[in-house]
Structure formats: C-alpha cells, structure tokens
Amino acid sequence: MSLGLNNQIEFDEHISKVTGGKCTILGADIAEQSPSTKSKYVAINGQLFVGKIPKTLGLPDILKKSGKSKVDFLKIDIEGGEHAGLEP
C-alpha cells in the first residue's frame, strides 16, 4: 500500500518489479492522479483511491474497497498525517 502518491509512483513500480508483478499495489492520494499515472498503475496491477487520509479515506476503507484483508508493505508520505493515518 502506498499512501501519498502525488503522481510519483517510482516506489510502487519498483515493488511491482521486484515481486514479478505478482502483488496488487494499492495507492491513495488526496488528489486524482494524472492520466499517465493511472495508466502506469494499471500496468503494475495497481488500484488507485482518492481521499484525505484518514478523514475521508482510512486504511480499512482502502482494504475493503479493494477486496484485500492485509497489507504486506506500507509506504506513507502524506505531509504530516502519517501518525493520524495509522490510528485505528
């Protein structure tokens, strides 16, 4: 799971590459991503979500919407909201 994309998905692409594309990458950001980023996310078996973490989009919401039940890797860059984003 990658929180705080801002159209910068190099980490996500790297994880896809080192896992042989076998994992689903869940990405979220407060803003809609560019068409180019959306296209690249599809290519790496990713799903994108839009919302302010955790106010309008929490980790449980992302998991539920994606049909997943756990997170193996977590990258967070949400400009000071990292701790609040991890609150239950």
Foldseek 3Di string as FASTA:
>chain_A
DEEAPQVPCPVVVVVLVVVVLPDEAEYEYQDDHDPVSVVVNVVSNYDYDHNQAPPGPAPVNSCVVVVHDDDDDYHYDRPPCVVVNPDD
